[in-house]
Amino acid sequence: MARRTSLEDSGCAIAQALDVVGDWWTLLIVRDTARGVHRFDELQRELGLSRKVLTERLRLLVEAEVLARVPYQERPVRHEYRLTPRGRALLPVLVALQDWGDAWVLGDGGTTATAERASAEARRVHALTGTRLPDLRLVDDRGAPRDPVADDAPHTVLYCFPGAYARPDAYPPGWAEIPGTPGCTLESRTYRDRLAGFRAAGAAVHGVSTQRPDEQRAFAQEERLDFPLLSDAESALITALRLPTFRAAGASRLKRLTLVVDRERVVRHVQYPVTDVAGSVEEALGVVRRLGEDAPPERHRA
């Protein structure tokens, strides 16, 4: 393999960044570690790389402090690879690449918060069924870190939405003209009004957007929401599950979709695209009721 010319002495920050993550295998390793794939054999299986190439790429990423080698077994000593703060700062780059690919390679270049049912993007999202959500934390509307999967309910409904604001003048210019963006307030209100039904079915409800926690808090207070809104402004959930996004007002926004996740963090049901906002809430409620009926009774300790 030809030796790559180093760009580390360039005065251009883009060139210097590419000197660290400028080949496709490197970014795919970052992508998969963000998805919860941390061990050498798992990465090799996911990527189909030779051991030699993977070893070299991991070494370079550790030297660049994008990944850290963390021991997970003592005898014999074995390590796994975790994103460092420097590595997690690359997550918005991955999201931007995904945005570009969805819009310009798989799509027609238009800005949209939804997708066609038969699109490659929709198939990718529906393939999440059976996927385990890795351990991660988002920031709730009170500014506290929170697991998106509730620990006190058999199931969690994660409804992801583009954005909802307490004041009409807070929406980005042209927001209502973007296909798929209208309906965020109605969606949250419908979950609020049906919350007792979800709780009776053993499900927690969490809303997720890429808005700042203070924006979410103002909206939650205005609409009297009795469930948390979670901020994925750092793209942790987006990159963990490769959730679809779009760009608006200089920021990445989640496209509207709903996931039902069980206590073991496994995605049990996916709604995407969501074209009937109120109907999607009723569908999610029906799903958690059926899952509750199918689940074996829990054993209670004496």
Protein backbone atom coordinates (compact mmCIF):
# COMPACT_ATOMS: atom_id res chain seq x y z
CA MET A 1 0.00 0.00 0.00
CA ALA A 2 1.38 3.41 -0.96
CA ARG A 3 2.42 5.57 1.96
CA ARG A 4 0.06 8.50 2.46
CA THR A 5 1.55 11.98 2.44
CA SER A 6 1.31 13.57 5.88
CA LEU A 7 -0.59 16.85 6.07
CA GLU A 8 0.21 17.59 9.71
CA ASP A 9 2.40 20.60 8.86
CA SER A 10 -0.28 22.24 6.74
CA GLY A 11 -1.66 25.56 7.95
CA CYS A 12 -5.18 24.42 7.02
CA ALA A 13 -7.26 22.94 9.86
CA ILE A 14 -9.21 20.79 7.37
CA ALA A 15 -5.97 19.28 6.08
CA GLN A 16 -4.74 18.66 9.62
CA ALA A 17 -8.03 16.96 10.55
CA LEU A 18 -7.82 14.78 7.44
CA ASP A 19 -4.33 13.76 8.49
CA VAL A 20 -5.99 12.06 11.49
CA VAL A 21 -9.27 10.77 10.03
CA GLY A 22 -8.77 11.14 6.29
CA ASP A 23 -9.35 7.59 5.10
CA TRP A 24 -12.73 5.85 5.04
CA TRP A 25 -11.82 2.98 7.38
CA THR A 26 -10.88 5.42 10.12
CA LEU A 27 -14.24 7.20 10.06
CA LEU A 28 -16.08 3.88 9.89
CA ILE A 29 -14.22 2.72 13.01
CA VAL A 30 -15.32 5.93 14.76
CA ARG A 31 -18.87 5.30 13.51
CA ASP A 32 -18.96 1.76 14.88
CA THR A 33 -17.44 2.61 18.26
CA ALA A 34 -20.16 5.27 18.59
CA ARG A 35 -22.69 2.48 17.89
CA GLY A 36 -21.33 0.45 20.82
CA VAL A 37 -18.92 -1.85 18.96
CA HIS A 38 -15.78 -1.69 21.10
CA ARG A 39 -13.79 -4.91 20.85
CA PHE A 40 -11.29 -5.87 18.17
CA ASP A 41 -13.05 -9.01 16.95
CA GLU A 42 -16.42 -7.21 16.88
CA LEU A 43 -14.98 -4.34 14.85
CA GLN A 44 -13.32 -6.75 12.44
CA ARG A 45 -16.58 -8.64 11.98
CA GLU A 46 -18.61 -5.46 11.43
CA LEU A 47 -16.16 -3.84 9.01
CA GLY A 48 -14.74 -6.87 7.20
CA LEU A 49 -11.19 -5.55 7.62
CA SER A 50 -8.03 -7.63 7.78
CA ARG A 51 -6.47 -7.86 11.23
CA LYS A 52 -3.39 -6.04 9.95
CA VAL A 53 -5.29 -3.04 8.59
CA LEU A 54 -7.58 -2.81 11.63
CA THR A 55 -4.62 -3.02 14.03
CA GLU A 56 -2.87 -0.18 12.21
CA ARG A 57 -5.97 2.05 12.10
CA LEU A 58 -6.69 1.48 15.80
CA ARG A 59 -3.08 2.27 16.67
CA LEU A 60 -3.25 5.56 14.79
CA LEU A 61 -6.55 6.52 16.42
CA VAL A 62 -5.18 5.78 19.88
CA GLU A 63 -2.04 7.81 19.14
CA ALA A 64 -4.25 10.68 17.97
CA GLU A 65 -6.28 10.39 21.22
CA VAL A 66 -9.48 9.78 19.27
CA LEU A 67 -9.82 6.35 20.90
CA ALA A 68 -8.61 5.04 24.24
CA ARG A 69 -7.61 1.43 24.96
CA VAL A 70 -9.53 0.34 28.05
CA PRO A 71 -8.93 -3.05 29.74
CA TYR A 72 -12.04 -5.18 30.15
CA GLN A 73 -10.37 -8.46 31.20
CA GLU A 74 -7.37 -9.14 33.42
CA ARG A 75 -6.35 -12.74 32.69
CA PRO A 76 -5.34 -12.61 29.96
CA VAL A 77 -5.37 -8.83 29.61
CA ARG A 78 -7.74 -7.74 26.86
CA HIS A 79 -8.67 -4.24 25.77
CA GLU A 80 -11.57 -2.54 24.07
CA TYR A 81 -11.66 0.80 22.28
CA ARG A 82 -13.70 3.73 23.57
CA LEU A 83 -14.21 7.20 22.14
CA THR A 84 -12.40 9.93 24.04
CA PRO A 85 -13.83 13.46 24.34
CA ARG A 86 -11.74 14.25 21.27
CA GLY A 87 -13.33 11.32 19.47
CA ARG A 88 -16.87 12.20 20.55
CA ALA A 89 -16.30 15.65 19.08
CA LEU A 90 -16.21 13.91 15.68
CA LEU A 91 -19.82 12.73 15.99
CA PRO A 92 -21.30 15.87 14.37
CA VAL A 93 -18.92 15.25 11.45
CA LEU A 94 -20.40 11.77 10.99
CA VAL A 95 -23.91 13.20 11.19
CA ALA A 96 -23.05 15.82 8.56
CA LEU A 97 -21.70 13.10 6.26
CA GLN A 98 -24.88 11.07 6.78
CA ASP A 99 -27.01 14.16 6.07
CA TRP A 100 -25.12 14.73 2.84
CA GLY A 101 -25.36 11.08 1.80
CA ASP A 102 -29.10 10.87 2.54
CA ALA A 103 -29.80 14.16 0.75
CA TRP A 104 -27.44 14.06 -2.22
CA VAL A 105 -26.46 10.42 -2.81
CA LEU A 106 -29.68 8.63 -1.82
CA GLY A 107 -32.01 11.61 -2.27
CA ASP A 108 -32.61 14.54 -4.60
CA GLY A 109 -30.79 17.18 -2.56
CA GLY A 110 -33.90 18.69 -1.00
CA THR A 111 -34.36 19.54 2.68
CA THR A 112 -36.93 17.31 4.33
CA ALA A 113 -37.81 16.02 7.79
CA THR A 114 -39.36 12.83 6.45
CA ALA A 115 -38.77 10.14 3.81
CA GLU A 116 -40.56 7.94 1.33
CA ARG A 117 -41.71 4.62 2.80
CA ALA A 118 -39.82 2.63 0.17
CA SER A 119 -36.60 4.67 0.44
CA ALA A 120 -33.22 3.27 1.45
CA GLU A 121 -33.31 5.62 4.44
CA ALA A 122 -36.62 4.17 5.66
CA ARG A 123 -35.29 0.62 5.23
CA ARG A 124 -32.20 1.54 7.27
CA VAL A 125 -34.34 2.88 10.11
CA HIS A 126 -36.71 -0.10 10.13
CA ALA A 127 -33.70 -2.43 10.24
CA LEU A 128 -33.12 -1.11 13.78
CA THR A 129 -35.73 -3.58 15.04
CA GLY A 130 -33.81 -6.06 17.19
CA THR A 131 -30.84 -3.71 17.64
CA ARG A 132 -29.57 -3.08 21.16
CA LEU A 133 -29.14 0.55 22.13
CA PRO A 134 -25.67 1.02 23.68
CA ASP A 135 -25.31 2.61 27.09
CA LEU A 136 -25.32 6.37 26.71
CA ARG A 137 -26.63 9.50 28.38
CA LEU A 138 -28.52 12.47 26.99
CA VAL A 139 -29.26 15.72 28.82
CA ASP A 140 -32.84 16.18 30.00
CA ASP A 141 -34.81 19.42 30.03
CA ARG A 142 -33.56 20.10 33.57
CA GLY A 143 -29.94 19.89 32.46
CA ALA A 144 -29.26 16.52 34.11
CA PRO A 145 -27.76 13.47 32.35
CA ARG A 146 -30.35 10.77 31.77
CA ASP A 147 -30.45 7.35 30.17
CA PRO A 148 -32.90 7.48 27.25
CA VAL A 149 -34.14 4.03 28.33
CA ALA A 150 -36.21 4.16 31.53
CA ASP A 151 -35.09 1.80 34.29
CA ASP A 152 -38.49 1.73 36.01
CA ALA A 153 -40.68 0.56 33.12
CA PRO A 154 -40.71 -2.55 30.90
CA HIS A 155 -40.75 -0.38 27.77
CA THR A 156 -39.77 3.12 26.73
CA VAL A 157 -41.31 5.05 23.86
CA LEU A 158 -38.73 7.38 22.33
CA TYR A 159 -40.46 9.81 20.03
CA CYS A 160 -37.91 11.82 18.07
CA PHE A 161 -39.04 15.13 16.60
CA PRO A 162 -37.43 17.98 14.62
CA GLY A 163 -38.12 20.75 17.14
CA ALA A 164 -40.82 22.40 19.25
CA TYR A 165 -40.66 25.84 20.80
CA ALA A 166 -42.60 27.70 23.47
CA ARG A 167 -42.96 30.83 21.30
CA PRO A 168 -44.00 30.87 17.63
CA ASP A 169 -41.28 33.41 16.80
CA ALA A 170 -38.58 31.02 18.05
CA TYR A 171 -38.90 28.67 15.06
CA PRO A 172 -36.18 28.96 12.39
CA PRO A 173 -37.11 30.91 9.24
CA GLY A 174 -38.95 28.77 6.70
CA TRP A 175 -39.53 25.98 9.23
CA ALA A 176 -43.16 25.33 8.27
CA GLU A 177 -42.21 24.92 4.60
CA ILE A 178 -39.88 21.97 5.30
CA PRO A 179 -41.77 18.72 4.63
CA GLY A 180 -42.31 16.77 7.84
CA THR A 181 -41.64 19.55 10.36
CA PRO A 182 -45.23 20.61 11.24
CA GLY A 183 -46.85 18.63 14.04
CA CYS A 184 -44.25 18.60 16.84
CA THR A 185 -46.52 20.45 19.29
CA LEU A 186 -49.50 18.25 18.41
CA GLU A 187 -47.37 15.14 18.86
CA SER A 188 -46.19 16.19 22.32
CA ARG A 189 -49.69 17.21 23.37
CA THR A 190 -51.09 13.86 22.24
CA TYR A 191 -48.46 11.96 24.23
CA ARG A 192 -49.29 14.20 27.20
CA ASP A 193 -53.00 13.47 26.91
CA ARG A 194 -52.44 9.71 26.49
CA LEU A 195 -49.70 9.43 29.12
CA ALA A 196 -51.91 7.62 31.65
CA GLY A 197 -52.59 4.93 29.06
CA PHE A 198 -48.88 4.44 28.37
CA ARG A 199 -48.10 4.20 32.07
CA ALA A 200 -50.91 1.70 32.60
CA ALA A 201 -49.38 -0.38 29.79
CA GLY A 202 -45.98 -0.31 31.53
CA ALA A 203 -44.31 2.20 29.23
CA ALA A 204 -42.38 5.40 29.87
CA VAL A 205 -42.47 8.22 27.32
CA HIS A 206 -39.40 10.28 26.43
CA GLY A 207 -39.28 12.96 23.74
CA VAL A 208 -35.96 13.53 21.93
CA SER A 209 -34.77 16.42 19.79
CA THR A 210 -31.46 18.16 19.12
CA GLN A 211 -32.62 21.38 20.76
CA ARG A 212 -30.86 22.87 23.77
CA PRO A 213 -32.21 21.76 27.17
CA ASP A 214 -33.36 25.30 28.00
CA GLU A 215 -35.44 25.41 24.80
CA GLN A 216 -36.96 22.04 25.65
CA ARG A 217 -37.66 23.13 29.23
CA ALA A 218 -39.52 26.25 28.08
CA PHE A 219 -41.64 24.16 25.71
CA ALA A 220 -42.33 21.47 28.34
CA GLN A 221 -43.46 24.10 30.83
CA GLU A 222 -45.65 25.86 28.27
CA GLU A 223 -47.35 22.58 27.31
CA ARG A 224 -47.40 21.10 30.86
CA LEU A 225 -45.61 17.93 29.83
CA ASP A 226 -45.28 15.35 32.60
CA PHE A 227 -42.51 13.37 30.93
CA PRO A 228 -38.91 14.31 30.10
CA LEU A 229 -37.62 15.82 26.89
CA LEU A 230 -34.05 14.78 26.11
CA SER A 231 -31.47 16.76 24.16
CA ASP A 232 -29.28 14.95 21.63
CA ALA A 233 -27.41 18.11 20.73
CA GLU A 234 -24.14 16.13 20.93
CA SER A 235 -25.46 13.48 18.48
CA ALA A 236 -24.89 10.53 20.83
CA LEU A 237 -28.20 8.80 20.09
CA ILE A 238 -28.15 9.82 16.43
CA THR A 239 -24.77 8.21 15.80
CA ALA A 240 -25.46 5.18 18.04
CA LEU A 241 -28.45 4.20 15.88
CA ARG A 242 -27.67 6.12 12.66
CA LEU A 243 -30.95 8.00 13.01
CA PRO A 244 -31.94 10.20 10.06
CA THR A 245 -31.40 13.95 10.34
CA PHE A 246 -31.61 17.09 8.23
CA ARG A 247 -30.02 20.53 8.41
CA ALA A 248 -32.02 23.63 9.28
CA ALA A 249 -30.83 27.00 10.60
CA GLY A 250 -27.25 25.72 10.74
CA ALA A 251 -28.03 22.75 12.99
CA SER A 252 -28.73 19.05 12.58
CA ARG A 253 -32.33 18.14 13.39
CA LEU A 254 -33.84 14.73 13.95
CA LYS A 255 -36.40 13.57 11.45
CA ARG A 256 -39.66 12.48 13.03
CA LEU A 257 -39.63 8.83 14.09
CA THR A 258 -40.64 6.67 17.04
CA LEU A 259 -38.84 3.76 18.70
CA VAL A 260 -40.22 1.37 21.29
CA VAL A 261 -37.33 -0.01 23.37
CA ASP A 262 -37.54 -2.70 26.03
CA ARG A 263 -35.81 -2.79 29.41
CA GLU A 264 -32.92 -4.77 27.90
CA ARG A 265 -32.38 -1.82 25.51
CA VAL A 266 -33.55 -3.75 22.44
CA VAL A 267 -35.57 -1.87 19.81
CA ARG A 268 -38.88 -3.71 19.53
CA HIS A 269 -40.80 -1.45 17.15
CA VAL A 270 -40.05 1.36 14.68
CA GLN A 271 -42.30 4.03 13.17
CA TYR A 272 -40.75 5.80 10.18
CA PRO A 273 -41.76 7.82 8.34
CA VAL A 274 -44.44 9.31 10.60
CA THR A 275 -47.08 10.99 8.46
CA ASP A 276 -50.04 10.90 10.88
CA VAL A 277 -48.76 12.45 14.10
CA ALA A 278 -51.75 11.74 16.33
CA GLY A 279 -52.22 8.32 14.76
CA SER A 280 -48.60 7.41 15.48
CA VAL A 281 -49.20 7.97 19.21
CA GLU A 282 -52.17 5.61 19.15
CA GLU A 283 -50.08 3.08 17.22
CA ALA A 284 -47.29 3.29 19.81
CA LEU A 285 -49.81 2.78 22.62
CA GLY A 286 -51.19 -0.29 20.87
CA VAL A 287 -47.66 -1.67 20.44
CA VAL A 288 -46.73 -1.37 24.13
CA ARG A 289 -50.04 -2.91 25.14
CA ARG A 290 -49.40 -5.92 22.89
CA LEU A 291 -45.84 -6.24 24.11
CA GLY A 292 -47.10 -6.16 27.69
CA GLU A 293 -49.63 -8.90 26.96
CA ASP A 294 -46.98 -11.08 25.32
CA ALA A 295 -44.40 -10.64 28.09
CA PRO A 296 -44.07 -13.38 30.74
CA PRO A 297 -45.14 -12.30 34.24
CA GLU A 298 -42.36 -10.77 36.31
CA ARG A 299 -41.18 -12.69 39.34
CA HIS A 300 -41.31 -10.77 42.58
CA ARG A 301 -38.72 -11.41 45.25
CA ALA A 302 -39.96 -12.42 48.66
